[in-house]
Amino acid sequence: MPKIDSSILEMALVGLQSEAQRIEEKMAAIRKHLGVRGKTAALSFSRDGGAPRRRRQLSAAALRRISLAQKKRWAAFHAKKKRKLSPAAKAKLAANLAKARAAKAAKAKSA
């Protein structure tokens, strides 16, 4: 195993510190994009150097309109057209079910 002298360790430390700084900058950019305010000064300023923007508050009426519209969209999405069976089709299904039940009962009786 080669000997590690102090210059190699110092170079490794410098490299790791620069990598940590680069990662911290990327994390700050992601936090800024998410609107999270952290301890770093970069998050407290907007891109143009002005004060940070505040999110607009929606009125109760606007929230209600949005809610009702979304409920209407979901109702339309989940609406299913119901099939209407004719009396003849219902009778045919009932006869098939009775036949299957009788066959199952006969099989159970013989076993």
PDB file of N, CA and C in Angstrom:
ATOM      1  N   MET A   1       0.854  -1.177   0.000  1.00  0.00           N
ATOM      2  CA  MET A   1       0.000   0.000   0.000  1.00  0.00           C
ATOM      3  C   MET A   1       0.891   1.228   0.000  1.00  0.00           C
ATOM      4  N   PRO A   2       0.651   2.183  -0.941  1.00  0.00           N
ATOM      5  CA  PRO A   2       1.522   3.359  -1.005  1.00  0.00           C
ATOM      6  C   PRO A   2       1.305   4.274   0.192  1.00  0.00           C
ATOM      7  N   LYS A   3       2.365   4.968   0.537  1.00  0.00           N
ATOM      8  CA  LYS A   3       2.270   5.922   1.636  1.00  0.00           C
ATOM      9  C   LYS A   3       1.502   7.152   1.189  1.00  0.00           C
ATOM     10  N   ILE A   4       0.646   7.663   2.051  1.00  0.00           N
ATOM     11  CA  ILE A   4      -0.125   8.864   1.753  1.00  0.00           C
ATOM     12  C   ILE A   4       0.520  10.020   2.513  1.00  0.00           C
ATOM     13  N   ASP A   5       1.022  10.984   1.758  1.00  0.00           N
ATOM     14  CA  ASP A   5       1.631  12.129   2.440  1.00  0.00           C
ATOM     15  C   ASP A   5       0.609  13.245   2.588  1.00  0.00           C
ATOM     16  N   SER A   6       0.981  14.291   3.284  1.00  0.00           N
ATOM     17  CA  SER A   6       0.043  15.366   3.614  1.00  0.00           C
ATOM     18  C   SER A   6      -0.424  16.137   2.386  1.00  0.00           C
ATOM     19  N   SER A   7       0.392  16.243   1.346  1.00  0.00           N
ATOM     20  CA  SER A   7      -0.027  16.996   0.156  1.00  0.00           C
ATOM     21  C   SER A   7      -1.189  16.288  -0.545  1.00  0.00           C
ATOM     22  N   ILE A   8      -1.157  14.973  -0.593  1.00  0.00           N
ATOM     23  CA  ILE A   8      -2.255  14.227  -1.219  1.00  0.00           C
ATOM     24  C   ILE A   8      -3.533  14.409  -0.408  1.00  0.00           C
ATOM     25  N   LEU A   9      -3.417  14.356   0.915  1.00  0.00           N
ATOM     26  CA  LEU A   9      -4.589  14.548   1.766  1.00  0.00           C
ATOM     27  C   LEU A   9      -5.146  15.960   1.631  1.00  0.00           C
ATOM     28  N   GLU A  10      -4.264  16.954   1.526  1.00  0.00           N
ATOM     29  CA  GLU A  10      -4.728  18.341   1.349  1.00  0.00           C
ATOM     30  C   GLU A  10      -5.456  18.508   0.020  1.00  0.00           C
ATOM     31  N   MET A  11      -4.945  17.908  -1.048  1.00  0.00           N
ATOM     32  CA  MET A  11      -5.611  17.987  -2.347  1.00  0.00           C
ATOM     33  C   MET A  11      -6.973  17.299  -2.290  1.00  0.00           C
ATOM     34  N   ALA A  12      -7.024  16.161  -1.606  1.00  0.00           N
ATOM     35  CA  ALA A  12      -8.296  15.460  -1.470  1.00  0.00           C
ATOM     36  C   ALA A  12      -9.297  16.303  -0.699  1.00  0.00           C
ATOM     37  N   LEU A  13      -8.829  16.967   0.357  1.00  0.00           N
ATOM     38  CA  LEU A  13      -9.697  17.824   1.157  1.00  0.00           C
ATOM     39  C   LEU A  13     -10.226  18.993   0.334  1.00  0.00           C
ATOM     40  N   VAL A  14      -9.360  19.617  -0.458  1.00  0.00           N
ATOM     41  CA  VAL A  14      -9.788  20.734  -1.312  1.00  0.00           C
ATOM     42  C   VAL A  14     -10.827  20.255  -2.325  1.00  0.00           C
ATOM     43  N   GLY A  15     -10.594  19.097  -2.913  1.00  0.00           N
ATOM     44  CA  GLY A  15     -11.544  18.550  -3.883  1.00  0.00           C
ATOM     45  C   GLY A  15     -12.895  18.256  -3.255  1.00  0.00           C
ATOM     46  N   LEU A  16     -12.874  17.668  -2.072  1.00  0.00           N
ATOM     47  CA  LEU A  16     -14.135  17.359  -1.395  1.00  0.00           C
ATOM     48  C   LEU A  16     -14.875  18.621  -0.969  1.00  0.00           C
ATOM     49  N   GLN A  17     -14.134  19.658  -0.545  1.00  0.00           N
ATOM     50  CA  GLN A  17     -14.781  20.910  -0.158  1.00  0.00           C
ATOM     51  C   GLN A  17     -15.436  21.572  -1.363  1.00  0.00           C
ATOM     52  N   SER A  18     -14.765  21.546  -2.517  1.00  0.00           N
ATOM     53  CA  SER A  18     -15.370  22.149  -3.715  1.00  0.00           C
ATOM     54  C   SER A  18     -16.605  21.363  -4.145  1.00  0.00           C
ATOM     55  N   GLU A  19     -16.537  20.035  -4.014  1.00  0.00           N
ATOM     56  CA  GLU A  19     -17.703  19.215  -4.352  1.00  0.00           C
ATOM     57  C   GLU A  19     -18.858  19.489  -3.398  1.00  0.00           C
ATOM     58  N   ALA A  20     -18.544  19.653  -2.098  1.00  0.00           N
ATOM     59  CA  ALA A  20     -19.584  19.962  -1.116  1.00  0.00           C
ATOM     60  C   ALA A  20     -20.222  21.311  -1.413  1.00  0.00           C
ATOM     61  N   GLN A  21     -19.403  22.279  -1.827  1.00  0.00           N
ATOM     62  CA  GLN A  21     -19.942  23.603  -2.159  1.00  0.00           C
ATOM     63  C   GLN A  21     -20.843  23.517  -3.387  1.00  0.00           C
ATOM     64  N   ARG A  22     -20.420  22.735  -4.385  1.00  0.00           N
ATOM     65  CA  ARG A  22     -21.228  22.576  -5.595  1.00  0.00           C
ATOM     66  C   ARG A  22     -22.559  21.909  -5.258  1.00  0.00           C
ATOM     67  N   ILE A  23     -22.540  20.904  -4.411  1.00  0.00           N
ATOM     68  CA  ILE A  23     -23.774  20.221  -4.003  1.00  0.00           C
ATOM     69  C   ILE A  23     -24.670  21.174  -3.222  1.00  0.00           C
ATOM     70  N   GLU A  24     -24.075  21.967  -2.342  1.00  0.00           N
ATOM     71  CA  GLU A  24     -24.855  22.923  -1.557  1.00  0.00           C
ATOM     72  C   GLU A  24     -25.529  23.960  -2.451  1.00  0.00           C
ATOM     73  N   GLU A  25     -24.825  24.400  -3.510  1.00  0.00           N
ATOM     74  CA  GLU A  25     -25.417  25.352  -4.450  1.00  0.00           C
ATOM     75  C   GLU A  25     -26.588  24.724  -5.197  1.00  0.00           C
ATOM     76  N   LYS A  26     -26.448  23.466  -5.591  1.00  0.00           N
ATOM     77  CA  LYS A  26     -27.552  22.780  -6.273  1.00  0.00           C
ATOM     78  C   LYS A  26     -28.749  22.614  -5.342  1.00  0.00           C
ATOM     79  N   MET A  27     -28.482  22.288  -4.075  1.00  0.00           N
ATOM     80  CA  MET A  27     -29.573  22.152  -3.108  1.00  0.00           C
ATOM     81  C   MET A  27     -30.273  23.488  -2.892  1.00  0.00           C
ATOM     82  N   ALA A  28     -29.504  24.581  -2.854  1.00  0.00           N
ATOM     83  CA  ALA A  28     -30.098  25.906  -2.682  1.00  0.00           C
ATOM     84  C   ALA A  28     -30.977  26.261  -3.873  1.00  0.00           C
ATOM     85  N   ALA A  29     -30.523  25.900  -5.078  1.00  0.00           N
ATOM     86  CA  ALA A  29     -31.325  26.180  -6.273  1.00  0.00           C
ATOM     87  C   ALA A  29     -32.637  25.401  -6.238  1.00  0.00           C
ATOM     88  N   ILE A  30     -32.576  24.153  -5.790  1.00  0.00           N
ATOM     89  CA  ILE A  30     -33.797  23.343  -5.700  1.00  0.00           C
ATOM     90  C   ILE A  30     -34.734  23.911  -4.643  1.00  0.00           C
ATOM     91  N   ARG A  31     -34.174  24.307  -3.495  1.00  0.00           N
ATOM     92  CA  ARG A  31     -35.009  24.920  -2.453  1.00  0.00           C
ATOM     93  C   ARG A  31     -35.669  26.193  -2.957  1.00  0.00           C
ATOM     94  N   LYS A  32     -34.912  26.983  -3.710  1.00  0.00           N
ATOM     95  CA  LYS A  32     -35.465  28.233  -4.248  1.00  0.00           C
ATOM     96  C   LYS A  32     -36.596  27.924  -5.211  1.00  0.00           C
ATOM     97  N   HIS A  33     -36.391  26.900  -6.038  1.00  0.00           N
ATOM     98  CA  HIS A  33     -37.430  26.517  -6.987  1.00  0.00           C
ATOM     99  C   HIS A  33     -38.686  26.035  -6.267  1.00  0.00           C
ATOM    100  N   LEU A  34     -38.501  25.346  -5.144  1.00  0.00           N
ATOM    101  CA  LEU A  34     -39.635  24.857  -4.362  1.00  0.00           C
ATOM    102  C   LEU A  34     -40.269  25.950  -3.506  1.00  0.00           C
ATOM    103  N   GLY A  35     -39.589  27.058  -3.345  1.00  0.00           N
ATOM    104  CA  GLY A  35     -40.124  28.140  -2.526  1.00  0.00           C
ATOM    105  C   GLY A  35     -39.809  27.969  -1.057  1.00  0.00           C
ATOM    106  N   VAL A  36     -38.831  27.134  -0.732  1.00  0.00           N
ATOM    107  CA  VAL A  36     -38.448  26.910   0.654  1.00  0.00           C
ATOM    108  C   VAL A  36     -37.423  27.955   1.038  1.00  0.00           C
ATOM    109  N   ARG A  37     -37.652  28.587   2.159  1.00  0.00           N
ATOM    110  CA  ARG A  37     -36.699  29.584   2.617  1.00  0.00           C
ATOM    111  C   ARG A  37     -35.775  28.937   3.636  1.00  0.00           C
ATOM    112  N   GLY A  38     -34.493  29.036   3.387  1.00  0.00           N
ATOM    113  CA  GLY A  38     -33.523  28.417   4.273  1.00  0.00           C
ATOM    114  C   GLY A  38     -32.614  29.451   4.908  1.00  0.00           C
ATOM    115  N   LYS A  39     -31.480  28.998   5.413  1.00  0.00           N
ATOM    116  CA  LYS A  39     -30.535  29.865   6.106  1.00  0.00           C
ATOM    117  C   LYS A  39     -29.641  30.626   5.143  1.00  0.00           C
ATOM    118  N   THR A  40     -29.506  30.150   3.906  1.00  0.00           N
ATOM    119  CA  THR A  40     -28.569  30.789   2.988  1.00  0.00           C
ATOM    120  C   THR A  40     -29.149  32.084   2.444  1.00  0.00           C
ATOM    121  N   ALA A  41     -28.269  33.027   2.152  1.00  0.00           N
ATOM    122  CA  ALA A  41     -28.699  34.333   1.662  1.00  0.00           C
ATOM    123  C   ALA A  41     -29.258  34.247   0.251  1.00  0.00           C
ATOM    124  N   ALA A  42     -28.830  33.244  -0.505  1.00  0.00           N
ATOM    125  CA  ALA A  42     -29.285  33.124  -1.886  1.00  0.00           C
ATOM    126  C   ALA A  42     -30.785  32.870  -1.961  1.00  0.00           C
ATOM    127  N   LEU A  43     -31.354  32.297  -0.950  1.00  0.00           N
ATOM    128  CA  LEU A  43     -32.774  31.990  -0.982  1.00  0.00           C
ATOM    129  C   LEU A  43     -33.643  33.185  -0.635  1.00  0.00           C
ATOM    130  N   SER A  44     -33.073  34.193   0.012  1.00  0.00           N
ATOM    131  CA  SER A  44     -33.892  35.309   0.457  1.00  0.00           C
ATOM    132  C   SER A  44     -34.021  36.409  -0.592  1.00  0.00           C
ATOM    133  N   PHE A  45     -33.375  36.248  -1.732  1.00  0.00           N
ATOM    134  CA  PHE A  45     -33.459  37.249  -2.784  1.00  0.00           C
ATOM    135  C   PHE A  45     -33.989  36.624  -4.055  1.00  0.00           C
ATOM    136  N   SER A  46     -34.684  37.438  -4.841  1.00  0.00           N
ATOM    137  CA  SER A  46     -35.169  36.947  -6.118  1.00  0.00           C
ATOM    138  C   SER A  46     -34.051  37.077  -7.140  1.00  0.00           C
ATOM    139  N   ARG A  47     -34.299  36.655  -8.354  1.00  0.00           N
ATOM    140  CA  ARG A  47     -33.261  36.679  -9.387  1.00  0.00           C
ATOM    141  C   ARG A  47     -32.786  38.093  -9.694  1.00  0.00           C
ATOM    142  N   ASP A  48     -33.702  39.038  -9.683  1.00  0.00           N
ATOM    143  CA  ASP A  48     -33.317  40.408 -10.022  1.00  0.00           C
ATOM    144  C   ASP A  48     -32.769  41.173  -8.824  1.00  0.00           C
ATOM    145  N   GLY A  49     -32.618  40.534  -7.687  1.00  0.00           N
ATOM    146  CA  GLY A  49     -32.035  41.177  -6.518  1.00  0.00           C
ATOM    147  C   GLY A  49     -33.054  41.876  -5.637  1.00  0.00           C
ATOM    148  N   GLY A  50     -34.323  41.831  -6.019  1.00  0.00           N
ATOM    149  CA  GLY A  50     -35.357  42.493  -5.231  1.00  0.00           C
ATOM    150  C   GLY A  50     -35.831  41.619  -4.090  1.00  0.00           C
ATOM    151  N   ALA A  51     -36.901  42.062  -3.485  1.00  0.00           N
ATOM    152  CA  ALA A  51     -37.478  41.298  -2.376  1.00  0.00           C
ATOM    153  C   ALA A  51     -38.114  40.016  -2.907  1.00  0.00           C
ATOM    154  N   PRO A  52     -38.174  38.975  -2.107  1.00  0.00           N
ATOM    155  CA  PRO A  52     -38.794  37.739  -2.568  1.00  0.00           C
ATOM    156  C   PRO A  52     -40.285  37.928  -2.784  1.00  0.00           C
ATOM    157  N   ARG A  53     -40.811  37.195  -3.775  1.00  0.00           N
ATOM    158  CA  ARG A  53     -42.239  37.300  -4.080  1.00  0.00           C
ATOM    159  C   ARG A  53     -43.048  36.483  -3.091  1.00  0.00           C
ATOM    160  N   ARG A  54     -44.186  37.009  -2.717  1.00  0.00           N
ATOM    161  CA  ARG A  54     -45.102  36.263  -1.855  1.00  0.00           C
ATOM    162  C   ARG A  54     -46.148  35.598  -2.716  1.00  0.00           C
ATOM    163  N   ARG A  55     -46.636  34.474  -2.265  1.00  0.00           N
ATOM    164  CA  ARG A  55     -47.685  33.783  -3.003  1.00  0.00           C
ATOM    165  C   ARG A  55     -49.004  34.508  -2.809  1.00  0.00           C
ATOM    166  N   ARG A  56     -49.782  34.563  -3.882  1.00  0.00           N
ATOM    167  CA  ARG A  56     -51.071  35.231  -3.793  1.00  0.00           C
ATOM    168  C   ARG A  56     -52.053  34.376  -3.019  1.00  0.00           C
ATOM    169  N   GLN A  57     -52.896  35.044  -2.263  1.00  0.00           N
ATOM    170  CA  GLN A  57     -53.950  34.348  -1.529  1.00  0.00           C
ATOM    171  C   GLN A  57     -55.220  34.364  -2.373  1.00  0.00           C
ATOM    172  N   LEU A  58     -55.849  33.217  -2.500  1.00  0.00           N
ATOM    173  CA  LEU A  58     -57.107  33.147  -3.233  1.00  0.00           C
ATOM    174  C   LEU A  58     -58.250  33.463  -2.279  1.00  0.00           C
ATOM    175  N   SER A  59     -59.256  34.107  -2.825  1.00  0.00           N
ATOM    176  CA  SER A  59     -60.418  34.409  -2.002  1.00  0.00           C
ATOM    177  C   SER A  59     -61.216  33.132  -1.767  1.00  0.00           C
ATOM    178  N   ALA A  60     -62.093  33.183  -0.789  1.00  0.00           N
ATOM    179  CA  ALA A  60     -62.927  32.018  -0.483  1.00  0.00           C
ATOM    180  C   ALA A  60     -63.817  31.681  -1.669  1.00  0.00           C
ATOM    181  N   ALA A  61     -64.309  32.698  -2.359  1.00  0.00           N
ATOM    182  CA  ALA A  61     -65.171  32.459  -3.518  1.00  0.00           C
ATOM    183  C   ALA A  61     -64.394  31.770  -4.640  1.00  0.00           C
ATOM    184  N   ALA A  62     -63.158  32.203  -4.848  1.00  0.00           N
ATOM    185  CA  ALA A  62     -62.337  31.586  -5.889  1.00  0.00           C
ATOM    186  C   ALA A  62     -62.037  30.130  -5.541  1.00  0.00           C
ATOM    187  N   LEU A  63     -61.698  29.869  -4.293  1.00  0.00           N
ATOM    188  CA  LEU A  63     -61.449  28.492  -3.863  1.00  0.00           C
ATOM    189  C   LEU A  63     -62.684  27.623  -4.060  1.00  0.00           C
ATOM    190  N   ARG A  64     -63.858  28.188  -3.756  1.00  0.00           N
ATOM    191  CA  ARG A  64     -65.100  27.442  -3.923  1.00  0.00           C
ATOM    192  C   ARG A  64     -65.351  27.140  -5.399  1.00  0.00           C
ATOM    193  N   ARG A  65     -65.124  28.117  -6.281  1.00  0.00           N
ATOM    194  CA  ARG A  65     -65.314  27.893  -7.717  1.00  0.00           C
ATOM    195  C   ARG A  65     -64.365  26.802  -8.223  1.00  0.00           C
ATOM    196  N   ILE A  66     -63.121  26.854  -7.786  1.00  0.00           N
ATOM    197  CA  ILE A  66     -62.147  25.847  -8.204  1.00  0.00           C
ATOM    198  C   ILE A  66     -62.580  24.475  -7.705  1.00  0.00           C
ATOM    199  N   SER A  67     -63.017  24.405  -6.455  1.00  0.00           N
ATOM    200  CA  SER A  67     -63.443  23.139  -5.871  1.00  0.00           C
ATOM    201  C   SER A  67     -64.636  22.560  -6.615  1.00  0.00           C
ATOM    202  N   LEU A  68     -65.627  23.399  -6.894  1.00  0.00           N
ATOM    203  CA  LEU A  68     -66.814  22.911  -7.602  1.00  0.00           C
ATOM    204  C   LEU A  68     -66.476  22.454  -9.014  1.00  0.00           C
ATOM    205  N   ALA A  69     -65.581  23.188  -9.684  1.00  0.00           N
ATOM    206  CA  ALA A  69     -65.189  22.801 -11.042  1.00  0.00           C
ATOM    207  C   ALA A  69     -64.456  21.464 -11.029  1.00  0.00           C
ATOM    208  N   GLN A  70     -63.586  21.263 -10.035  1.00  0.00           N
ATOM    209  CA  GLN A  70     -62.852  20.003  -9.956  1.00  0.00           C
ATOM    210  C   GLN A  70     -63.805  18.843  -9.646  1.00  0.00           C
ATOM    211  N   LYS A  71     -64.760  19.077  -8.749  1.00  0.00           N
ATOM    212  CA  LYS A  71     -65.740  18.031  -8.443  1.00  0.00           C
ATOM    213  C   LYS A  71     -66.561  17.677  -9.681  1.00  0.00           C
ATOM    214  N   LYS A  72     -66.891  18.684 -10.482  1.00  0.00           N
ATOM    215  CA  LYS A  72     -67.651  18.446 -11.708  1.00  0.00           C
ATOM    216  C   LYS A  72     -66.820  17.611 -12.688  1.00  0.00           C
ATOM    217  N   ARG A  73     -65.516  17.931 -12.803  1.00  0.00           N
ATOM    218  CA  ARG A  73     -64.653  17.161 -13.697  1.00  0.00           C
ATOM    219  C   ARG A  73     -64.540  15.707 -13.236  1.00  0.00           C
ATOM    220  N   TRP A  74     -64.378  15.504 -11.922  1.00  0.00           N
ATOM    221  CA  TRP A  74     -64.275  14.138 -11.408  1.00  0.00           C
ATOM    222  C   TRP A  74     -65.578  13.371 -11.618  1.00  0.00           C
ATOM    223  N   ALA A  75     -66.707  14.025 -11.411  1.00  0.00           N
ATOM    224  CA  ALA A  75     -67.994  13.357 -11.609  1.00  0.00           C
ATOM    225  C   ALA A  75     -68.152  12.933 -13.059  1.00  0.00           C
ATOM    226  N   ALA A  76     -67.752  13.801 -13.996  1.00  0.00           N
ATOM    227  CA  ALA A  76     -67.852  13.460 -15.407  1.00  0.00           C
ATOM    228  C   ALA A  76     -66.897  12.324 -15.755  1.00  0.00           C
ATOM    229  N   PHE A  77     -65.713  12.335 -15.159  1.00  0.00           N
ATOM    230  CA  PHE A  77     -64.725  11.295 -15.432  1.00  0.00           C
ATOM    231  C   PHE A  77     -65.192   9.939 -14.917  1.00  0.00           C
ATOM    232  N   HIS A  78     -65.808   9.931 -13.737  1.00  0.00           N
ATOM    233  CA  HIS A  78     -66.208   8.678 -13.118  1.00  0.00           C
ATOM    234  C   HIS A  78     -67.619   8.223 -13.492  1.00  0.00           C
ATOM    235  N   ALA A  79     -68.333   9.024 -14.261  1.00  0.00           N
ATOM    236  CA  ALA A  79     -69.683   8.624 -14.644  1.00  0.00           C
ATOM    237  C   ALA A  79     -69.612   7.416 -15.573  1.00  0.00           C
ATOM    238  N   LYS A  80     -70.380   6.414 -15.252  1.00  0.00           N
ATOM    239  CA  LYS A  80     -70.408   5.211 -16.068  1.00  0.00           C
ATOM    240  C   LYS A  80     -71.801   5.059 -16.653  1.00  0.00           C
ATOM    241  N   LYS A  81     -71.819   4.705 -17.910  1.00  0.00           N
ATOM    242  CA  LYS A  81     -73.110   4.443 -18.536  1.00  0.00           C
ATOM    243  C   LYS A  81     -73.573   3.067 -18.093  1.00  0.00           C
ATOM    244  N   LYS A  82     -74.794   3.010 -17.586  1.00  0.00           N
ATOM    245  CA  LYS A  82     -75.315   1.746 -17.092  1.00  0.00           C
ATOM    246  C   LYS A  82     -76.002   1.004 -18.237  1.00  0.00           C
ATOM    247  N   ARG A  83     -75.763  -0.302 -18.242  1.00  0.00           N
ATOM    248  CA  ARG A  83     -76.385  -1.126 -19.269  1.00  0.00           C
ATOM    249  C   ARG A  83     -77.834  -1.407 -18.884  1.00  0.00           C
ATOM    250  N   LYS A  84     -78.662  -1.442 -19.864  1.00  0.00           N
ATOM    251  CA  LYS A  84     -80.061  -1.828 -19.654  1.00  0.00           C
ATOM    252  C   LYS A  84     -80.263  -3.192 -20.287  1.00  0.00           C
ATOM    253  N   LEU A  85     -80.587  -4.153 -19.444  1.00  0.00           N
ATOM    254  CA  LEU A  85     -80.845  -5.493 -19.959  1.00  0.00           C
ATOM    255  C   LEU A  85     -82.333  -5.653 -20.265  1.00  0.00           C
ATOM    256  N   SER A  86     -82.570  -6.298 -21.350  1.00  0.00           N
ATOM    257  CA  SER A  86     -83.968  -6.596 -21.689  1.00  0.00           C
ATOM    258  C   SER A  86     -84.444  -7.731 -20.787  1.00  0.00           C
ATOM    259  N   PRO A  87     -85.739  -7.845 -20.617  1.00  0.00           N
ATOM    260  CA  PRO A  87     -86.255  -8.958 -19.796  1.00  0.00           C
ATOM    261  C   PRO A  87     -85.819 -10.320 -20.325  1.00  0.00           C
ATOM    262  N   ALA A  88     -85.690 -10.465 -21.625  1.00  0.00           N
ATOM    263  CA  ALA A  88     -85.266 -11.741 -22.209  1.00  0.00           C
ATOM    264  C   ALA A  88     -83.806 -12.034 -21.828  1.00  0.00           C
ATOM    265  N   ALA A  89     -82.969 -10.999 -21.872  1.00  0.00           N
ATOM    266  CA  ALA A  89     -81.559 -11.189 -21.513  1.00  0.00           C
ATOM    267  C   ALA A  89     -81.424 -11.515 -20.034  1.00  0.00           C
ATOM    268  N   LYS A  90     -82.229 -10.855 -19.195  1.00  0.00           N
ATOM    269  CA  LYS A  90     -82.201 -11.167 -17.765  1.00  0.00           C
ATOM    270  C   LYS A  90     -82.622 -12.617 -17.511  1.00  0.00           C
ATOM    271  N   ALA A  91     -83.643 -13.056 -18.203  1.00  0.00           N
ATOM    272  CA  ALA A  91     -84.120 -14.427 -18.033  1.00  0.00           C
ATOM    273  C   ALA A  91     -83.060 -15.422 -18.490  1.00  0.00           C
ATOM    274  N   LYS A  92     -82.366 -15.117 -19.584  1.00  0.00           N
ATOM    275  CA  LYS A  92     -81.317 -15.993 -20.091  1.00  0.00           C
ATOM    276  C   LYS A  92     -80.176 -16.102 -19.078  1.00  0.00           C
ATOM    277  N   LEU A  93     -79.755 -14.946 -18.498  1.00  0.00           N
ATOM    278  CA  LEU A  93     -78.695 -14.956 -17.486  1.00  0.00           C
ATOM    279  C   LEU A  93     -79.116 -15.734 -16.250  1.00  0.00           C
ATOM    280  N   ALA A  94     -80.358 -15.553 -15.830  1.00  0.00           N
ATOM    281  CA  ALA A  94     -80.859 -16.266 -14.650  1.00  0.00           C
ATOM    282  C   ALA A  94     -80.890 -17.774 -14.910  1.00  0.00           C
ATOM    283  N   ALA A  95     -81.283 -18.169 -16.119  1.00  0.00           N
ATOM    284  CA  ALA A  95     -81.320 -19.598 -16.470  1.00  0.00           C
ATOM    285  C   ALA A  95     -79.915 -20.182 -16.481  1.00  0.00           C
ATOM    286  N   ASN A  96     -78.943 -19.437 -17.029  1.00  0.00           N
ATOM    287  CA  ASN A  96     -77.558 -19.919 -17.041  1.00  0.00           C
ATOM    288  C   ASN A  96     -77.016 -20.051 -15.625  1.00  0.00           C
ATOM    289  N   LEU A  97     -77.349 -19.097 -14.763  1.00  0.00           N
ATOM    290  CA  LEU A  97     -76.889 -19.149 -13.372  1.00  0.00           C
ATOM    291  C   LEU A  97     -77.507 -20.344 -12.652  1.00  0.00           C
ATOM    292  N   ALA A  98     -78.793 -20.571 -12.857  1.00  0.00           N
ATOM    293  CA  ALA A  98     -79.462 -21.712 -12.219  1.00  0.00           C
ATOM    294  C   ALA A  98     -78.850 -23.026 -12.704  1.00  0.00           C
ATOM    295  N   LYS A  99     -78.535 -23.093 -13.999  1.00  0.00           N
ATOM    296  CA  LYS A  99     -77.931 -24.288 -14.567  1.00  0.00           C
ATOM    297  C   LYS A  99     -76.540 -24.528 -13.965  1.00  0.00           C
ATOM    298  N   ALA A 100     -75.756 -23.482 -13.821  1.00  0.00           N
ATOM    299  CA  ALA A 100     -74.412 -23.610 -13.246  1.00  0.00           C
ATOM    300  C   ALA A 100     -74.480 -24.030 -11.781  1.00  0.00           C
ATOM    301  N   ARG A 101     -75.421 -23.463 -11.046  1.00  0.00           N
ATOM    302  CA  ARG A 101     -75.569 -23.825  -9.636  1.00  0.00           C
ATOM    303  C   ARG A 101     -75.999 -25.281  -9.482  1.00  0.00           C
ATOM    304  N   ALA A 102     -76.896 -25.717 -10.355  1.00  0.00           N
ATOM    305  CA  ALA A 102     -77.348 -27.116 -10.317  1.00  0.00           C
ATOM    306  C   ALA A 102     -76.205 -28.057 -10.644  1.00  0.00           C
ATOM    307  N   ALA A 103     -75.369 -27.686 -11.616  1.00  0.00           N
ATOM    308  CA  ALA A 103     -74.221 -28.529 -11.962  1.00  0.00           C
ATOM    309  C   ALA A 103     -73.233 -28.579 -10.802  1.00  0.00           C
ATOM    310  N   LYS A 104     -72.995 -27.479 -10.138  1.00  0.00           N
ATOM    311  CA  LYS A 104     -72.082 -27.440  -9.008  1.00  0.00           C
ATOM    312  C   LYS A 104     -72.611 -28.291  -7.856  1.00  0.00           C
ATOM    313  N   ALA A 105     -73.929 -28.183  -7.611  1.00  0.00           N
ATOM    314  CA  ALA A 105     -74.536 -28.968  -6.537  1.00  0.00           C
ATOM    315  C   ALA A 105     -74.468 -30.454  -6.838  1.00  0.00           C
ATOM    316  N   ALA A 106     -74.695 -30.820  -8.094  1.00  0.00           N
ATOM    317  CA  ALA A 106     -74.635 -32.234  -8.495  1.00  0.00           C
ATOM    318  C   ALA A 106     -73.213 -32.762  -8.347  1.00  0.00           C
ATOM    319  N   LYS A 107     -72.224 -31.933  -8.694  1.00  0.00           N
ATOM    320  CA  LYS A 107     -70.823 -32.338  -8.579  1.00  0.00           C
ATOM    321  C   LYS A 107     -70.455 -32.527  -7.116  1.00  0.00           C
ATOM    322  N   ALA A 108     -70.920 -31.635  -6.264  1.00  0.00           N
ATOM    323  CA  ALA A 108     -70.620 -31.736  -4.833  1.00  0.00           C
ATOM    324  C   ALA A 108     -71.308 -32.956  -4.222  1.00  0.00           C
ATOM    325  N   LYS A 109     -72.495 -33.261  -4.711  1.00  0.00           N
ATOM    326  CA  LYS A 109     -73.259 -34.396  -4.172  1.00  0.00           C
ATOM    327  C   LYS A 109     -72.579 -35.710  -4.566  1.00  0.00           C
ATOM    328  N   SER A 110     -72.065 -35.769  -5.778  1.00  0.00           N
ATOM    329  CA  SER A 110     -71.448 -37.017  -6.241  1.00  0.00           C
ATOM    330  C   SER A 110     -70.047 -37.223  -5.667  1.00  0.00           C
ATOM    331  N   ALA A 111     -69.418 -36.178  -5.194  1.00  0.00           N
ATOM    332  CA  ALA A 111     -68.054 -36.312  -4.673  1.00  0.00           C
ATOM    333  C   ALA A 111     -68.005 -36.729  -3.248  1.00  0.00           C
TER     334      ALA A 111
END
